[in-house]
Amino acid sequence: GKAVLVGGILWGFEVEYYVLIGVLVFFLNFIPNIGALMAAAPLIVCTILQTGINETLVIISLYFAINFIIGNFIEPKLLGNK
């Protein structure tokens, strides 16, 4: 879920290595509490070097919005139903 959305956003902004960053997001999100922050580091570095500060701020905002929405609304709903 999250990794596909993040990869799609990076692809839309024409950031290279969007697949690699998507895979990192997928695996690092298994680490509780700090996994999302660890996944944000390579995302920030790649985007700031390739797109500039304005696009990087938009991508970071979207990344944390995705994590917030999925982590606080979608996952609890799905886990609560089981």
PDB file of N, CA and C in Angstrom:
ATOM      1  N   GLY A   1       0.793  -1.183   0.000  1.00  0.00           N
ATOM      2  CA  GLY A   1       0.000   0.000   0.000  1.00  0.00           C
ATOM      3  C   GLY A   1       0.846   1.263   0.000  1.00  0.00           C
ATOM      4  N   LYS A   2       1.534   1.501   1.117  1.00  0.00           N
ATOM      5  CA  LYS A   2       2.315   2.734   1.243  1.00  0.00           C
ATOM      6  C   LYS A   2       3.420   2.805   0.202  1.00  0.00           C
ATOM      7  N   ALA A   3       4.114   1.714   0.009  1.00  0.00           N
ATOM      8  CA  ALA A   3       5.253   1.708  -0.906  1.00  0.00           C
ATOM      9  C   ALA A   3       4.812   1.989  -2.335  1.00  0.00           C
ATOM     10  N   VAL A   4       3.689   1.445  -2.735  1.00  0.00           N
ATOM     11  CA  VAL A   4       3.183   1.680  -4.086  1.00  0.00           C
ATOM     12  C   VAL A   4       2.782   3.142  -4.253  1.00  0.00           C
ATOM     13  N   LEU A   5       2.125   3.703  -3.258  1.00  0.00           N
ATOM     14  CA  LEU A   5       1.732   5.109  -3.322  1.00  0.00           C
ATOM     15  C   LEU A   5       2.956   6.026  -3.373  1.00  0.00           C
ATOM     16  N   VAL A   6       3.930   5.759  -2.534  1.00  0.00           N
ATOM     17  CA  VAL A   6       5.147   6.577  -2.514  1.00  0.00           C
ATOM     18  C   VAL A   6       5.889   6.442  -3.841  1.00  0.00           C
ATOM     19  N   GLY A   7       6.028   5.214  -4.330  1.00  0.00           N
ATOM     20  CA  GLY A   7       6.681   5.006  -5.626  1.00  0.00           C
ATOM     21  C   GLY A   7       5.950   5.721  -6.750  1.00  0.00           C
ATOM     22  N   GLY A   8       4.628   5.706  -6.708  1.00  0.00           N
ATOM     23  CA  GLY A   8       3.835   6.397  -7.718  1.00  0.00           C
ATOM     24  C   GLY A   8       4.015   7.903  -7.665  1.00  0.00           C
ATOM     25  N   ILE A   9       4.080   8.445  -6.472  1.00  0.00           N
ATOM     26  CA  ILE A   9       4.303   9.888  -6.320  1.00  0.00           C
ATOM     27  C   ILE A   9       5.684  10.261  -6.863  1.00  0.00           C
ATOM     28  N   LEU A  10       6.692   9.472  -6.508  1.00  0.00           N
ATOM     29  CA  LEU A  10       8.046   9.760  -6.991  1.00  0.00           C
ATOM     30  C   LEU A  10       8.129   9.621  -8.506  1.00  0.00           C
ATOM     31  N   TRP A  11       7.446   8.625  -9.057  1.00  0.00           N
ATOM     32  CA  TRP A  11       7.411   8.454 -10.503  1.00  0.00           C
ATOM     33  C   TRP A  11       6.748   9.662 -11.160  1.00  0.00           C
ATOM     34  N   GLY A  12       5.684  10.149 -10.554  1.00  0.00           N
ATOM     35  CA  GLY A  12       4.987  11.321 -11.076  1.00  0.00           C
ATOM     36  C   GLY A  12       5.843  12.577 -11.071  1.00  0.00           C
ATOM     37  N   PHE A  13       6.711  12.686 -10.086  1.00  0.00           N
ATOM     38  CA  PHE A  13       7.616  13.831 -10.017  1.00  0.00           C
ATOM     39  C   PHE A  13       8.932  13.564 -10.764  1.00  0.00           C
ATOM     40  N   GLU A  14       8.993  12.438 -11.464  1.00  0.00           N
ATOM     41  CA  GLU A  14      10.155  12.050 -12.271  1.00  0.00           C
ATOM     42  C   GLU A  14      11.438  11.950 -11.462  1.00  0.00           C
ATOM     43  N   VAL A  15      11.335  11.364 -10.267  1.00  0.00           N
ATOM     44  CA  VAL A  15      12.509  11.125  -9.424  1.00  0.00           C
ATOM     45  C   VAL A  15      13.095   9.776  -9.811  1.00  0.00           C
ATOM     46  N   GLU A  16      14.400   9.749 -10.065  1.00  0.00           N
ATOM     47  CA  GLU A  16      15.061   8.482 -10.375  1.00  0.00           C
ATOM     48  C   GLU A  16      15.054   7.593  -9.137  1.00  0.00           C
ATOM     49  N   TYR A  17      15.192   6.322  -9.344  1.00  0.00           N
ATOM     50  CA  TYR A  17      15.248   5.321  -8.273  1.00  0.00           C
ATOM     51  C   TYR A  17      13.948   5.251  -7.471  1.00  0.00           C
ATOM     52  N   TYR A  18      12.835   5.572  -8.098  1.00  0.00           N
ATOM     53  CA  TYR A  18      11.559   5.508  -7.384  1.00  0.00           C
ATOM     54  C   TYR A  18      11.217   4.081  -6.971  1.00  0.00           C
ATOM     55  N   VAL A  19      11.653   3.093  -7.760  1.00  0.00           N
ATOM     56  CA  VAL A  19      11.392   1.698  -7.392  1.00  0.00           C
ATOM     57  C   VAL A  19      12.206   1.321  -6.159  1.00  0.00           C
ATOM     58  N   LEU A  20      13.468   1.687  -6.130  1.00  0.00           N
ATOM     59  CA  LEU A  20      14.331   1.391  -4.987  1.00  0.00           C
ATOM     60  C   LEU A  20      13.790   2.044  -3.714  1.00  0.00           C
ATOM     61  N   ILE A  21      13.381   3.294  -3.821  1.00  0.00           N
ATOM     62  CA  ILE A  21      12.841   3.982  -2.646  1.00  0.00           C
ATOM     63  C   ILE A  21      11.539   3.334  -2.207  1.00  0.00           C
ATOM     64  N   GLY A  22      10.715   2.914  -3.154  1.00  0.00           N
ATOM     65  CA  GLY A  22       9.481   2.203  -2.810  1.00  0.00           C
ATOM     66  C   GLY A  22       9.753   0.906  -2.070  1.00  0.00           C
ATOM     67  N   VAL A  23      10.765   0.175  -2.507  1.00  0.00           N
ATOM     68  CA  VAL A  23      11.145  -1.074  -1.824  1.00  0.00           C
ATOM     69  C   VAL A  23      11.661  -0.777  -0.418  1.00  0.00           C
ATOM     70  N   LEU A  24      12.469   0.274  -0.275  1.00  0.00           N
ATOM     71  CA  LEU A  24      12.952   0.668   1.057  1.00  0.00           C
ATOM     72  C   LEU A  24      11.789   1.049   1.973  1.00  0.00           C
ATOM     73  N   VAL A  25      10.842   1.787   1.444  1.00  0.00           N
ATOM     74  CA  VAL A  25       9.662   2.166   2.233  1.00  0.00           C
ATOM     75  C   VAL A  25       8.924   0.907   2.682  1.00  0.00           C
ATOM     76  N   PHE A  26       8.776  -0.057   1.770  1.00  0.00           N
ATOM     77  CA  PHE A  26       8.080  -1.296   2.114  1.00  0.00           C
ATOM     78  C   PHE A  26       8.762  -2.015   3.278  1.00  0.00           C
ATOM     79  N   PHE A  27      10.056  -2.223   3.170  1.00  0.00           N
ATOM     80  CA  PHE A  27      10.755  -2.995   4.197  1.00  0.00           C
ATOM     81  C   PHE A  27      10.954  -2.217   5.499  1.00  0.00           C
ATOM     82  N   LEU A  28      11.240  -0.931   5.415  1.00  0.00           N
ATOM     83  CA  LEU A  28      11.492  -0.163   6.631  1.00  0.00           C
ATOM     84  C   LEU A  28      10.219   0.110   7.427  1.00  0.00           C
ATOM     85  N   ASN A  29       9.060   0.042   6.792  1.00  0.00           N
ATOM     86  CA  ASN A  29       7.821   0.258   7.529  1.00  0.00           C
ATOM     87  C   ASN A  29       7.474  -0.907   8.455  1.00  0.00           C
ATOM     88  N   PHE A  30       8.227  -2.007   8.367  1.00  0.00           N
ATOM     89  CA  PHE A  30       8.026  -3.101   9.310  1.00  0.00           C
ATOM     90  C   PHE A  30       8.668  -2.794  10.665  1.00  0.00           C
ATOM     91  N   ILE A  31       9.529  -1.788  10.730  1.00  0.00           N
ATOM     92  CA  ILE A  31      10.163  -1.389  11.981  1.00  0.00           C
ATOM     93  C   ILE A  31       9.226  -0.419  12.697  1.00  0.00           C
ATOM     94  N   PRO A  32       8.757  -0.773  13.873  1.00  0.00           N
ATOM     95  CA  PRO A  32       7.807   0.100  14.566  1.00  0.00           C
ATOM     96  C   PRO A  32       8.423   1.439  14.948  1.00  0.00           C
ATOM     97  N   ASN A  33       7.626   2.452  14.944  1.00  0.00           N
ATOM     98  CA  ASN A  33       7.938   3.807  15.403  1.00  0.00           C
ATOM     99  C   ASN A  33       8.940   4.577  14.536  1.00  0.00           C
ATOM    100  N   ILE A  34      10.089   4.013  14.225  1.00  0.00           N
ATOM    101  CA  ILE A  34      11.100   4.776  13.502  1.00  0.00           C
ATOM    102  C   ILE A  34      11.265   4.351  12.049  1.00  0.00           C
ATOM    103  N   GLY A  35      10.583   3.326  11.625  1.00  0.00           N
ATOM    104  CA  GLY A  35      10.729   2.837  10.258  1.00  0.00           C
ATOM    105  C   GLY A  35      10.342   3.870   9.213  1.00  0.00           C
ATOM    106  N   ALA A  36       9.263   4.580   9.460  1.00  0.00           N
ATOM    107  CA  ALA A  36       8.814   5.597   8.497  1.00  0.00           C
ATOM    108  C   ALA A  36       9.822   6.735   8.406  1.00  0.00           C
ATOM    109  N   LEU A  37      10.425   7.097   9.526  1.00  0.00           N
ATOM    110  CA  LEU A  37      11.438   8.156   9.499  1.00  0.00           C
ATOM    111  C   LEU A  37      12.709   7.691   8.799  1.00  0.00           C
ATOM    112  N   MET A  38      13.079   6.432   9.006  1.00  0.00           N
ATOM    113  CA  MET A  38      14.256   5.891   8.328  1.00  0.00           C
ATOM    114  C   MET A  38      14.027   5.828   6.824  1.00  0.00           C
ATOM    115  N   ALA A  39      12.811   5.516   6.408  1.00  0.00           N
ATOM    116  CA  ALA A  39      12.501   5.461   4.986  1.00  0.00           C
ATOM    117  C   ALA A  39      12.466   6.852   4.369  1.00  0.00           C
ATOM    118  N   ALA A  40      12.194   7.870   5.178  1.00  0.00           N
ATOM    119  CA  ALA A  40      12.118   9.237   4.667  1.00  0.00           C
ATOM    120  C   ALA A  40      13.495   9.787   4.312  1.00  0.00           C
ATOM    121  N   ALA A  41      14.548   9.314   4.957  1.00  0.00           N
ATOM    122  CA  ALA A  41      15.888   9.862   4.725  1.00  0.00           C
ATOM    123  C   ALA A  41      16.342   9.708   3.269  1.00  0.00           C
ATOM    124  N   PRO A  42      16.343   8.489   2.686  1.00  0.00           N
ATOM    125  CA  PRO A  42      16.769   8.403   1.281  1.00  0.00           C
ATOM    126  C   PRO A  42      15.799   9.102   0.329  1.00  0.00           C
ATOM    127  N   LEU A  43      14.528   9.114   0.694  1.00  0.00           N
ATOM    128  CA  LEU A  43      13.538   9.818  -0.106  1.00  0.00           C
ATOM    129  C   LEU A  43      13.868  11.305  -0.175  1.00  0.00           C
ATOM    130  N   ILE A  44      14.189  11.897   0.949  1.00  0.00           N
ATOM    131  CA  ILE A  44      14.508  13.324   1.006  1.00  0.00           C
ATOM    132  C   ILE A  44      15.789  13.620   0.226  1.00  0.00           C
ATOM    133  N   VAL A  45      16.805  12.802   0.414  1.00  0.00           N
ATOM    134  CA  VAL A  45      18.076  13.039  -0.262  1.00  0.00           C
ATOM    135  C   VAL A  45      17.903  12.966  -1.779  1.00  0.00           C
ATOM    136  N   CYS A  46      17.238  11.925  -2.257  1.00  0.00           N
ATOM    137  CA  CYS A  46      17.055  11.775  -3.706  1.00  0.00           C
ATOM    138  C   CYS A  46      16.222  12.910  -4.290  1.00  0.00           C
ATOM    139  N   THR A  47      15.157  13.272  -3.624  1.00  0.00           N
ATOM    140  CA  THR A  47      14.283  14.297  -4.190  1.00  0.00           C
ATOM    141  C   THR A  47      14.924  15.677  -4.157  1.00  0.00           C
ATOM    142  N   ILE A  48      15.635  15.994  -3.095  1.00  0.00           N
ATOM    143  CA  ILE A  48      16.238  17.332  -3.024  1.00  0.00           C
ATOM    144  C   ILE A  48      17.358  17.481  -4.056  1.00  0.00           C
ATOM    145  N   LEU A  49      18.075  16.399  -4.341  1.00  0.00           N
ATOM    146  CA  LEU A  49      19.143  16.463  -5.333  1.00  0.00           C
ATOM    147  C   LEU A  49      18.609  16.505  -6.756  1.00  0.00           C
ATOM    148  N   GLN A  50      17.412  15.950  -6.972  1.00  0.00           N
ATOM    149  CA  GLN A  50      16.911  15.833  -8.332  1.00  0.00           C
ATOM    150  C   GLN A  50      15.827  16.841  -8.696  1.00  0.00           C
ATOM    151  N   THR A  51      15.056  17.306  -7.735  1.00  0.00           N
ATOM    152  CA  THR A  51      13.912  18.140  -8.098  1.00  0.00           C
ATOM    153  C   THR A  51      13.994  19.562  -7.579  1.00  0.00           C
ATOM    154  N   GLY A  52      14.629  19.782  -6.462  1.00  0.00           N
ATOM    155  CA  GLY A  52      14.654  21.104  -5.864  1.00  0.00           C
ATOM    156  C   GLY A  52      13.836  21.143  -4.589  1.00  0.00           C
ATOM    157  N   ILE A  53      13.920  22.249  -3.891  1.00  0.00           N
ATOM    158  CA  ILE A  53      13.337  22.344  -2.550  1.00  0.00           C
ATOM    159  C   ILE A  53      11.807  22.368  -2.566  1.00  0.00           C
ATOM    160  N   ASN A  54      11.199  23.067  -3.514  1.00  0.00           N
ATOM    161  CA  ASN A  54       9.733  23.168  -3.527  1.00  0.00           C
ATOM    162  C   ASN A  54       9.076  21.813  -3.767  1.00  0.00           C
ATOM    163  N   GLU A  55       9.558  21.086  -4.774  1.00  0.00           N
ATOM    164  CA  GLU A  55       9.000  19.768  -5.051  1.00  0.00           C
ATOM    165  C   GLU A  55       9.292  18.804  -3.903  1.00  0.00           C
ATOM    166  N   THR A  56      10.468  18.928  -3.294  1.00  0.00           N
ATOM    167  CA  THR A  56      10.807  18.070  -2.160  1.00  0.00           C
ATOM    168  C   THR A  56       9.839  18.283  -1.008  1.00  0.00           C
ATOM    169  N   LEU A  57       9.507  19.519  -0.725  1.00  0.00           N
ATOM    170  CA  LEU A  57       8.550  19.800   0.356  1.00  0.00           C
ATOM    171  C   LEU A  57       7.182  19.205   0.059  1.00  0.00           C
ATOM    172  N   VAL A  58       6.763  19.262  -1.196  1.00  0.00           N
ATOM    173  CA  VAL A  58       5.482  18.665  -1.582  1.00  0.00           C
ATOM    174  C   VAL A  58       5.539  17.151  -1.412  1.00  0.00           C
ATOM    175  N   ILE A  59       6.621  16.528  -1.881  1.00  0.00           N
ATOM    176  CA  ILE A  59       6.759  15.070  -1.787  1.00  0.00           C
ATOM    177  C   ILE A  59       6.820  14.621  -0.330  1.00  0.00           C
ATOM    178  N   ILE A  60       7.562  15.337   0.504  1.00  0.00           N
ATOM    179  CA  ILE A  60       7.646  14.987   1.927  1.00  0.00           C
ATOM    180  C   ILE A  60       6.272  15.119   2.585  1.00  0.00           C
ATOM    181  N   SER A  61       5.558  16.164   2.251  1.00  0.00           N
ATOM    182  CA  SER A  61       4.213  16.347   2.813  1.00  0.00           C
ATOM    183  C   SER A  61       3.292  15.209   2.406  1.00  0.00           C
ATOM    184  N   LEU A  62       3.343  14.824   1.145  1.00  0.00           N
ATOM    185  CA  LEU A  62       2.525  13.700   0.681  1.00  0.00           C
ATOM    186  C   LEU A  62       2.936  12.402   1.366  1.00  0.00           C
ATOM    187  N   TYR A  63       4.245  12.202   1.535  1.00  0.00           N
ATOM    188  CA  TYR A  63       4.740  10.984   2.195  1.00  0.00           C
ATOM    189  C   TYR A  63       4.198  10.869   3.625  1.00  0.00           C
ATOM    190  N   PHE A  64       4.307  11.948   4.376  1.00  0.00           N
ATOM    191  CA  PHE A  64       3.827  11.884   5.755  1.00  0.00           C
ATOM    192  C   PHE A  64       2.302  11.861   5.833  1.00  0.00           C
ATOM    193  N   ALA A  65       1.624  12.450   4.859  1.00  0.00           N
ATOM    194  CA  ALA A  65       0.160  12.366   4.810  1.00  0.00           C
ATOM    195  C   ALA A  65      -0.276  10.922   4.558  1.00  0.00           C
ATOM    196  N   ILE A  66       0.416  10.242   3.651  1.00  0.00           N
ATOM    197  CA  ILE A  66       0.115   8.829   3.383  1.00  0.00           C
ATOM    198  C   ILE A  66       0.322   8.007   4.644  1.00  0.00           C
ATOM    199  N   ASN A  67       1.451   8.202   5.315  1.00  0.00           N
ATOM    200  CA  ASN A  67       1.726   7.449   6.544  1.00  0.00           C
ATOM    201  C   ASN A  67       0.690   7.740   7.615  1.00  0.00           C
ATOM    202  N   PHE A  68       0.286   8.993   7.740  1.00  0.00           N
ATOM    203  CA  PHE A  68      -0.700   9.369   8.749  1.00  0.00           C
ATOM    204  C   PHE A  68      -2.056   8.732   8.461  1.00  0.00           C
ATOM    205  N   ILE A  69      -2.512   8.843   7.238  1.00  0.00           N
ATOM    206  CA  ILE A  69      -3.841   8.324   6.884  1.00  0.00           C
ATOM    207  C   ILE A  69      -3.879   6.801   6.993  1.00  0.00           C
ATOM    208  N   ILE A  70      -2.885   6.137   6.435  1.00  0.00           N
ATOM    209  CA  ILE A  70      -2.881   4.673   6.488  1.00  0.00           C
ATOM    210  C   ILE A  70      -2.676   4.188   7.915  1.00  0.00           C
ATOM    211  N   GLY A  71      -1.742   4.806   8.641  1.00  0.00           N
ATOM    212  CA  GLY A  71      -1.435   4.353  10.002  1.00  0.00           C
ATOM    213  C   GLY A  71      -2.516   4.643  11.023  1.00  0.00           C
ATOM    214  N   ASN A  72      -3.286   5.712  10.826  1.00  0.00           N
ATOM    215  CA  ASN A  72      -4.274   6.085  11.831  1.00  0.00           C
ATOM    216  C   ASN A  72      -5.717   5.762  11.464  1.00  0.00           C
ATOM    217  N   PHE A  73      -5.985   5.509  10.197  1.00  0.00           N
ATOM    218  CA  PHE A  73      -7.369   5.254   9.800  1.00  0.00           C
ATOM    219  C   PHE A  73      -7.560   3.901   9.123  1.00  0.00           C
ATOM    220  N   ILE A  74      -6.759   3.604   8.119  1.00  0.00           N
ATOM    221  CA  ILE A  74      -6.980   2.399   7.322  1.00  0.00           C
ATOM    222  C   ILE A  74      -6.537   1.140   8.059  1.00  0.00           C
ATOM    223  N   GLU A  75      -5.293   1.118   8.571  1.00  0.00           N
ATOM    224  CA  GLU A  75      -4.806  -0.077   9.262  1.00  0.00           C
ATOM    225  C   GLU A  75      -5.635  -0.411  10.506  1.00  0.00           C
ATOM    226  N   PRO A  76      -5.971   0.544  11.375  1.00  0.00           N
ATOM    227  CA  PRO A  76      -6.807   0.198  12.535  1.00  0.00           C
ATOM    228  C   PRO A  76      -8.182  -0.339  12.123  1.00  0.00           C
ATOM    229  N   LYS A  77      -8.742   0.201  11.056  1.00  0.00           N
ATOM    230  CA  LYS A  77     -10.046  -0.282  10.573  1.00  0.00           C
ATOM    231  C   LYS A  77      -9.931  -1.726  10.109  1.00  0.00           C
ATOM    232  N   LEU A  78      -8.886  -2.015   9.315  1.00  0.00           N
ATOM    233  CA  LEU A  78      -8.706  -3.377   8.820  1.00  0.00           C
ATOM    234  C   LEU A  78      -8.373  -4.345   9.942  1.00  0.00           C
ATOM    235  N   LEU A  79      -7.521  -3.939  10.874  1.00  0.00           N
ATOM    236  CA  LEU A  79      -7.147  -4.831  11.969  1.00  0.00           C
ATOM    237  C   LEU A  79      -8.281  -4.986  12.972  1.00  0.00           C
ATOM    238  N   GLY A  80      -9.107  -3.964  13.105  1.00  0.00           N
ATOM    239  CA  GLY A  80     -10.242  -4.036  14.025  1.00  0.00           C
ATOM    240  C   GLY A  80     -11.323  -4.992  13.539  1.00  0.00           C
ATOM    241  N   ASN A  81     -11.411  -5.179  12.238  1.00  0.00           N
ATOM    242  CA  ASN A  81     -12.418  -6.063  11.690  1.00  0.00           C
ATOM    243  C   ASN A  81     -12.023  -7.521  11.808  1.00  0.00           C
ATOM    244  N   LYS A  82     -10.779  -7.803  12.101  1.00  0.00           N
ATOM    245  CA  LYS A  82     -10.331  -9.198  12.167  1.00  0.00           C
ATOM    246  C   LYS A  82     -10.313  -9.690  13.541  1.00  0.00           C
TER     247      LYS A  82
END
